[in-house]
Structure formats: C-alpha cells, structure tokens
Amino acid sequence: MDAEGLALLLPPVTLAALVDSWLREDCPGLNYAALVSGAGPSQAVLWAKSPGVLAGRPFFDAIFTQLNCQVSWFLPEGSKLVPVARVAEVRGPAHCLLLGERVALNMLARCSGIASAAAAAVEAARGAGWTGHVAGTRKTTPGFRLVEKYGLLVGGAASHRYDLGGLVMVKDNHVVAAGGVEKAVRVARQAADFALKVEVECSSLQEAVQAAEVGADLVLLDNFKPEELHPTAAALKTQFPSVAVEASGGITLDNLPQFCGPHIDVISMGMLTQAAPALDFSLKLFAEEVAPVPKTR
C-alpha cells in the first residue's frame, strides 16, 4: 500500500480532536514564552538527525494547521531518512511555531520509530523467505493508538485489530472465566455472528484443536518456542487447513526468522509499539535565507 495514501484512513474529525488534546495538554493555560518569541512571521526547518522511516506527516500537518501555520514537505511519507536530512519547512507566527514544536516532534519521533521498526521486521521476514503478515498488537500507548497503528502501516506491517470491536479474541483469561475452551469459543462464535472473526489463544495442540472444532477462525499460539511452534502449527493445519495460525510472544527483530514457517500465517510483535526507539528530529527557526544544518549527536 502506498504510504502517501494512508492519510485517507485518518478521520478528519478524530485527527483534529486528537491534536487539540495534545496541544491542550502541553499548554492548558498561560504561555509565558510567547512574550519572548512574539507573533512576527517566522520560518523553521524540520531536520531528521537519525536514520529510519519517515512517518506521521498527517499528524504533523494537523498540529500546525490548528496553530495557523503552513507546512511544506521535501520528502514523502515512508521515505528512508539519511541524516542529516531536510524534511520540511514550517511558516507562521513565531509563538505558534514554538507552541507546536515539542508536540509535533514528540509525535513524529515516535511514529517514525514505530514505522522504522515495522519496516525492519518486514524486511527480516521477507529475507527469511516468509510471505505471511507481520503485525502489531493492542499493546499501545493509551491515547496514542491511532498514531502507533498508523506508523505500523507506513512501515509495511499489519496493524492487527484496532480495538476490542475489530475481532473477537478469546484470551487465556476468557477461557478461565468461561470455564473452558469449547464453551468460550461457542459464546464468542455466537457473538461474532457473520460480521467478525474469532481468534483463540491456545497453549497446546489439544486446545488449538478444540478451538478449531467449535468454530475458531484463527488460533494464536502464544509464547511457543520455535521448535514447539512449527510442529504444533503443522499438526493443526493438517486437520484444519482453513484455520489461520498466529505466532506471538517473545518475538524480536533478532529472532523473528526463527518463527517464520510455512504453517504460520501471522507473526505479531508487541515490541514494534512498546520498544521501538524514537527517531531524532529537530525544528530550527532561522532568519537567514539559508537554514543552518544542525549537528548530529
């Protein structure tokens, strides 16, 4: 999917409300520093100072649009960044540029970091000859999920379910609460009806077979070691070839190829949103016609 087109996924009203909450969090009252900068017309350059994948342009635009500033981009969404890279230019009243600076940089650094980790994971999977889906999880930052899920997509990974309503996932705690795998899946299947798929977390081949027998569409083999995962998935597929298998738990960029196999359809990785390093960006005001290039760390 073209990274530029992913902006269409973001509802404008939701985007505006999200940006408004960020700006209110950072400046809920008096902005004393605005007296220092003044309101004169100014310009600033956005610099990328670490390598990775650029992600977050729609959110960056929305932040500065709300502050009556204009953004001109020099690189498209999803670009591979080679530092030091001149990414964009922002123009507007000085106090507005500075009001949006930290909020915009925080967002862009984290979104681009997630896109970079996702791109690295997809590359590692393809390098292992695997053509399944590398996906994120619901392990996201409260209030920041839209950005993080978007970053996964820019990086080429699947976002997985966005929220609890996107898929009926029966986890181990649901099984305990319901009194067993079969009962839990039957109730989930009734609740899902025709509109949703049902995925069941299983800790053994026996549980996976039980789940498939009563209507699971997907089986999640969680925290399996590679040497246990692949024979379990193969045995399940032999009996239920239409049931998709997802592997998750303890999967990193380093060991990802070990989890890739012909009977695995999805590999989900919580670290893509929980442990992705933020990229380094800076926004520098300049008065001269040529903006000075910042130093890297």
Protein backbone atom coordinates (compact mmCIF):
# COMPACT_ATOMS: atom_id res chain seq x y z
CA MET A 1 0.00 0.00 0.00
CA ASP A 2 1.27 3.47 -0.91
CA ALA A 3 2.32 5.29 2.28
CA GLU A 4 1.04 8.60 0.92
CA GLY A 5 -2.46 7.20 0.56
CA LEU A 6 -2.61 6.01 4.18
CA ALA A 7 -3.59 9.52 5.29
CA LEU A 8 -7.05 8.77 3.91
CA LEU A 9 -7.53 6.29 6.76
CA LEU A 10 -7.47 9.08 9.34
CA PRO A 11 -10.93 10.61 10.02
CA PRO A 12 -10.50 14.42 9.94
CA VAL A 13 -12.71 14.99 12.98
CA THR A 14 -10.82 12.39 15.02
CA LEU A 15 -7.50 13.79 13.87
CA ALA A 16 -8.45 17.35 14.85
CA ALA A 17 -9.72 16.24 18.26
CA LEU A 18 -6.56 14.26 18.94
CA VAL A 19 -4.29 17.17 18.01
CA ASP A 20 -6.38 19.52 20.13
CA SER A 21 -5.92 17.26 23.16
CA TRP A 22 -2.15 17.17 22.66
CA LEU A 23 -1.87 20.94 22.41
CA ARG A 24 -4.12 21.46 25.44
CA GLU A 25 -2.02 19.02 27.44
CA ASP A 26 1.17 20.93 26.67
CA CYS A 27 -0.33 24.40 27.17
CA PRO A 28 -3.55 24.32 29.21
CA GLY A 29 -3.12 27.88 30.48
CA LEU A 30 -0.81 30.86 30.11
CA ASN A 31 2.06 30.61 27.62
CA TYR A 32 4.67 32.95 29.08
CA ALA A 33 7.31 32.04 26.49
CA ALA A 34 5.09 33.56 23.78
CA LEU A 35 6.01 37.00 25.14
CA VAL A 36 9.65 36.20 24.39
CA SER A 37 9.16 34.97 20.83
CA GLY A 38 6.45 37.43 19.79
CA ALA A 39 4.00 36.92 16.95
CA GLY A 40 6.09 38.01 13.99
CA PRO A 41 6.22 35.89 10.82
CA SER A 42 8.87 33.18 11.12
CA GLN A 43 10.08 30.05 9.42
CA ALA A 44 11.66 26.85 10.68
CA VAL A 45 13.21 23.76 9.13
CA LEU A 46 12.46 20.22 10.26
CA TRP A 47 15.64 18.16 10.30
CA ALA A 48 15.98 14.38 10.62
CA LYS A 49 19.12 13.54 12.58
CA SER A 50 18.89 9.75 12.73
CA PRO A 51 18.24 7.08 10.06
CA GLY A 52 14.88 5.40 9.70
CA VAL A 53 11.49 5.70 8.02
CA LEU A 54 9.55 8.97 7.96
CA ALA A 55 6.02 8.57 9.35
CA GLY A 56 3.47 10.95 10.82
CA ARG A 57 3.06 13.68 8.24
CA PRO A 58 -0.76 13.95 8.56
CA PHE A 59 -0.50 14.45 12.32
CA PHE A 60 2.33 16.96 11.93
CA ASP A 61 0.24 18.89 9.39
CA ALA A 62 -2.81 18.84 11.66
CA ILE A 63 -0.84 20.23 14.60
CA PHE A 64 0.43 23.24 12.70
CA THR A 65 -2.80 23.80 10.78
CA GLN A 66 -4.55 24.25 14.12
CA LEU A 67 -1.90 26.85 15.01
CA ASN A 68 -2.33 28.83 11.78
CA CYS A 69 0.99 27.65 10.32
CA GLN A 70 1.81 26.17 6.92
CA VAL A 71 3.98 23.10 6.31
CA SER A 72 5.91 22.40 3.09
CA TRP A 73 7.34 18.90 2.78
CA PHE A 74 10.52 17.95 0.94
CA LEU A 75 10.20 14.19 1.49
CA PRO A 76 7.15 11.92 1.04
CA GLU A 77 5.65 9.75 3.76
CA GLY A 78 7.53 6.48 4.12
CA SER A 79 10.84 7.92 2.91
CA LYS A 80 14.07 6.36 4.11
CA LEU A 81 15.85 9.03 6.12
CA VAL A 82 19.60 9.52 5.77
CA PRO A 83 20.82 12.09 8.30
CA VAL A 84 21.12 14.96 8.30
CA ALA A 85 18.01 15.30 6.09
CA ARG A 86 15.98 18.45 5.43
CA VAL A 87 12.46 17.07 5.79
CA ALA A 88 10.08 20.03 5.83
CA GLU A 89 9.67 23.76 6.38
CA VAL A 90 7.08 25.38 8.62
CA ARG A 91 5.99 29.02 8.37
CA GLY A 92 3.77 31.04 10.67
CA PRO A 93 3.72 33.36 13.70
CA ALA A 94 6.78 32.71 15.88
CA HIS A 95 4.82 31.95 19.04
CA CYS A 96 2.64 29.46 17.14
CA LEU A 97 5.63 27.67 15.63
CA LEU A 98 7.12 27.24 19.08
CA LEU A 99 3.82 26.23 20.63
CA GLY A 100 3.57 23.32 18.22
CA GLU A 101 7.26 22.43 18.16
CA ARG A 102 7.56 19.92 21.01
CA VAL A 103 4.17 18.30 20.42
CA ALA A 104 4.96 17.80 16.74
CA LEU A 105 8.47 16.48 17.36
CA ASN A 106 7.30 14.05 20.05
CA MET A 107 4.67 12.64 17.73
CA LEU A 108 6.94 12.43 14.68
CA ALA A 109 9.82 10.83 16.59
CA ARG A 110 7.61 8.06 17.97
CA CYS A 111 5.57 7.44 14.84
CA SER A 112 8.71 7.28 12.69
CA GLY A 113 10.39 5.00 15.22
CA ILE A 114 7.49 2.54 15.01
CA ALA A 115 7.47 2.69 11.21
CA SER A 116 11.22 2.04 11.20
CA ALA A 117 10.89 -1.00 13.48
CA ALA A 118 7.98 -2.31 11.41
CA ALA A 119 9.96 -1.91 8.19
CA ALA A 120 12.92 -3.75 9.72
CA ALA A 121 10.66 -6.61 10.85
CA VAL A 122 9.04 -6.96 7.43
CA GLU A 123 12.47 -6.93 5.79
CA ALA A 124 13.71 -9.65 8.16
CA ALA A 125 10.64 -11.80 7.44
CA ARG A 126 10.96 -11.41 3.69
CA GLY A 127 14.67 -12.13 3.95
CA ALA A 128 13.77 -15.46 5.54
CA GLY A 129 11.57 -16.26 2.54
CA TRP A 130 8.33 -15.90 4.52
CA THR A 131 5.35 -14.18 2.89
CA GLY A 132 2.91 -14.03 5.81
CA HIS A 133 1.76 -11.00 7.80
CA VAL A 134 4.00 -9.18 10.26
CA ALA A 135 1.61 -7.42 12.63
CA GLY A 136 1.48 -5.17 15.64
CA THR A 137 -0.66 -5.80 18.71
CA ARG A 138 -3.03 -3.91 21.02
CA LYS A 139 -0.05 -3.11 23.27
CA THR A 140 -0.15 0.59 22.50
CA THR A 141 0.21 3.82 24.47
CA PRO A 142 -3.14 5.00 25.92
CA GLY A 143 -4.34 7.97 23.89
CA PHE A 144 -1.73 7.43 21.19
CA ARG A 145 -3.02 4.29 19.47
CA LEU A 146 -4.07 5.97 16.22
CA VAL A 147 -0.54 7.27 15.68
CA GLU A 148 1.07 3.97 16.56
CA LYS A 149 -1.22 1.87 14.39
CA TYR A 150 -0.67 4.31 11.53
CA GLY A 151 3.10 4.04 11.99
CA LEU A 152 2.88 0.25 11.66
CA LEU A 153 1.11 0.62 8.33
CA VAL A 154 3.65 3.12 6.99
CA GLY A 155 6.39 0.64 7.89
CA GLY A 156 4.64 -2.08 5.88
CA ALA A 157 3.30 -4.16 8.81
CA ALA A 158 -0.33 -5.04 9.52
CA SER A 159 -1.95 -3.08 12.32
CA HIS A 160 -3.88 -6.10 13.68
CA ARG A 161 -7.24 -5.28 15.33
CA TYR A 162 -7.56 -1.60 16.15
CA ASP A 163 -9.72 -2.14 19.24
CA LEU A 164 -11.83 -4.75 21.01
CA GLY A 165 -14.54 -4.46 18.35
CA GLY A 166 -12.32 -5.37 15.42
CA LEU A 167 -12.01 -9.07 16.19
CA VAL A 168 -13.41 -11.39 18.87
CA MET A 169 -10.21 -12.56 20.54
CA VAL A 170 -10.60 -15.20 23.24
CA LYS A 171 -7.56 -14.97 25.50
CA ASP A 172 -6.47 -17.32 28.27
CA ASN A 173 -8.33 -15.29 30.90
CA HIS A 174 -11.54 -15.50 28.86
CA VAL A 175 -11.18 -19.29 28.75
CA VAL A 176 -10.76 -19.44 32.54
CA ALA A 177 -13.72 -17.11 33.11
CA ALA A 178 -15.95 -19.09 30.72
CA GLY A 179 -14.99 -22.47 32.12
CA GLY A 180 -13.09 -23.96 29.19
CA VAL A 181 -12.05 -23.53 25.58
CA GLU A 182 -15.13 -25.06 23.97
CA LYS A 183 -17.63 -23.02 25.97
CA ALA A 184 -15.65 -19.80 25.46
CA VAL A 185 -15.41 -20.27 21.69
CA ARG A 186 -19.09 -21.19 21.29
CA VAL A 187 -20.13 -17.98 23.05
CA ALA A 188 -17.61 -15.97 21.03
CA ARG A 189 -18.86 -17.53 17.79
CA GLN A 190 -22.44 -16.55 18.63
CA ALA A 191 -21.38 -13.00 19.50
CA ALA A 192 -19.31 -12.63 16.33
CA ASP A 193 -22.14 -13.87 14.09
CA PHE A 194 -21.21 -13.37 10.41
CA ALA A 195 -19.51 -9.99 10.73
CA LEU A 196 -16.43 -10.79 12.83
CA LYS A 197 -13.77 -13.45 13.01
CA VAL A 198 -12.96 -15.35 16.19
CA GLU A 199 -9.38 -15.87 17.33
CA VAL A 200 -8.46 -18.09 20.27
CA GLU A 201 -5.27 -18.07 22.32
CA CYS A 202 -4.09 -21.64 22.87
CA SER A 203 -1.29 -23.12 24.96
CA SER A 204 -1.24 -26.58 23.39
CA LEU A 205 -2.19 -28.52 20.28
CA GLN A 206 -5.10 -30.03 22.21
CA GLU A 207 -6.55 -26.58 22.94
CA ALA A 208 -5.97 -25.47 19.36
CA VAL A 209 -7.88 -28.49 18.00
CA GLN A 210 -10.72 -27.88 20.46
CA ALA A 211 -10.93 -24.25 19.38
CA ALA A 212 -10.94 -25.16 15.68
CA GLU A 213 -13.59 -27.82 16.15
CA VAL A 214 -16.08 -25.33 17.60
CA GLY A 215 -15.54 -22.57 15.07
CA ALA A 216 -12.34 -20.58 15.63
CA ASP A 217 -11.16 -18.77 12.51
CA LEU A 218 -7.69 -18.12 13.88
CA VAL A 219 -5.57 -19.77 16.56
CA LEU A 220 -2.98 -17.80 18.49
CA LEU A 221 -0.02 -19.89 19.59
CA ASP A 222 1.38 -17.62 22.27
CA ASN A 223 4.83 -17.93 23.88
CA PHE A 224 5.73 -21.09 21.96
CA LYS A 225 9.40 -21.72 21.30
CA PRO A 226 10.17 -22.12 17.58
CA GLU A 227 10.89 -25.83 17.99
CA GLU A 228 7.42 -26.26 19.54
CA LEU A 229 5.60 -23.77 17.34
CA HIS A 230 6.19 -25.25 13.91
CA PRO A 231 5.19 -28.88 14.59
CA THR A 232 2.10 -27.69 16.51
CA ALA A 233 1.06 -25.43 13.64
CA ALA A 234 1.70 -28.18 11.10
CA ALA A 235 -0.41 -30.68 13.04
CA LEU A 236 -3.27 -28.22 13.36
CA LYS A 237 -3.19 -27.32 9.67
CA THR A 238 -3.29 -30.99 8.74
CA GLN A 239 -6.67 -31.30 10.44
CA PHE A 240 -7.95 -27.78 9.81
CA PRO A 241 -6.24 -26.27 6.74
CA SER A 242 -8.56 -23.24 6.66
CA VAL A 243 -7.75 -22.13 10.22
CA ALA A 244 -5.14 -19.39 10.30
CA VAL A 245 -2.26 -19.59 12.78
CA GLU A 246 -0.75 -16.59 14.54
CA ALA A 247 2.52 -16.73 16.48
CA SER A 248 3.26 -14.24 19.21
CA GLY A 249 5.20 -13.78 22.43
CA GLY A 250 8.90 -13.03 22.88
CA ILE A 251 9.48 -12.28 19.21
CA THR A 252 12.14 -9.67 18.43
CA LEU A 253 13.88 -8.41 15.33
CA ASP A 254 16.79 -10.73 16.10
CA ASN A 255 14.84 -13.97 16.47
CA LEU A 256 11.97 -13.22 14.07
CA PRO A 257 13.29 -15.50 11.27
CA GLN A 258 13.09 -18.50 13.63
CA PHE A 259 9.31 -18.04 13.89
CA CYS A 260 8.76 -17.82 10.13
CA GLY A 261 7.46 -21.05 8.64
CA PRO A 262 5.07 -22.50 6.03
CA HIS A 263 2.29 -23.12 8.56
CA ILE A 264 2.43 -19.68 10.21
CA ASP A 265 0.14 -17.03 8.73
CA VAL A 266 0.69 -14.11 11.12
CA ILE A 267 3.54 -13.09 13.41
CA SER A 268 2.53 -10.36 15.87
CA MET A 269 5.14 -8.36 17.75
CA GLY A 270 4.37 -6.17 20.75
CA MET A 271 7.85 -4.71 20.63
CA LEU A 272 7.00 -2.79 17.45
CA THR A 273 4.97 -0.35 19.55
CA GLN A 274 6.39 -0.99 23.01
CA ALA A 275 10.12 -0.94 22.35
CA ALA A 276 10.74 0.89 19.07
CA PRO A 277 13.41 3.59 19.58
CA ALA A 278 12.24 7.11 18.76
CA LEU A 279 13.94 8.85 15.85
CA ASP A 280 15.76 12.13 16.39
CA PHE A 281 14.22 15.24 14.79
CA SER A 282 14.70 18.95 15.41
CA LEU A 283 12.80 22.05 14.34
CA LYS A 284 15.05 25.10 13.96
CA LEU A 285 13.93 28.66 13.35
CA PHE A 286 16.09 30.69 11.00
CA ALA A 287 16.24 34.30 9.94
CA GLU A 288 18.64 33.95 7.02
CA GLU A 289 17.72 32.70 3.58
CA VAL A 290 19.75 29.52 4.12
CA ALA A 291 18.89 27.46 7.18
CA PRO A 292 21.92 26.19 9.14
CA VAL A 293 22.36 22.41 9.24
CA PRO A 294 22.20 21.07 12.83
CA LYS A 295 24.82 18.77 14.29
CA THR A 296 24.01 15.11 14.94
CA ARG A 297 24.61 13.58 18.34
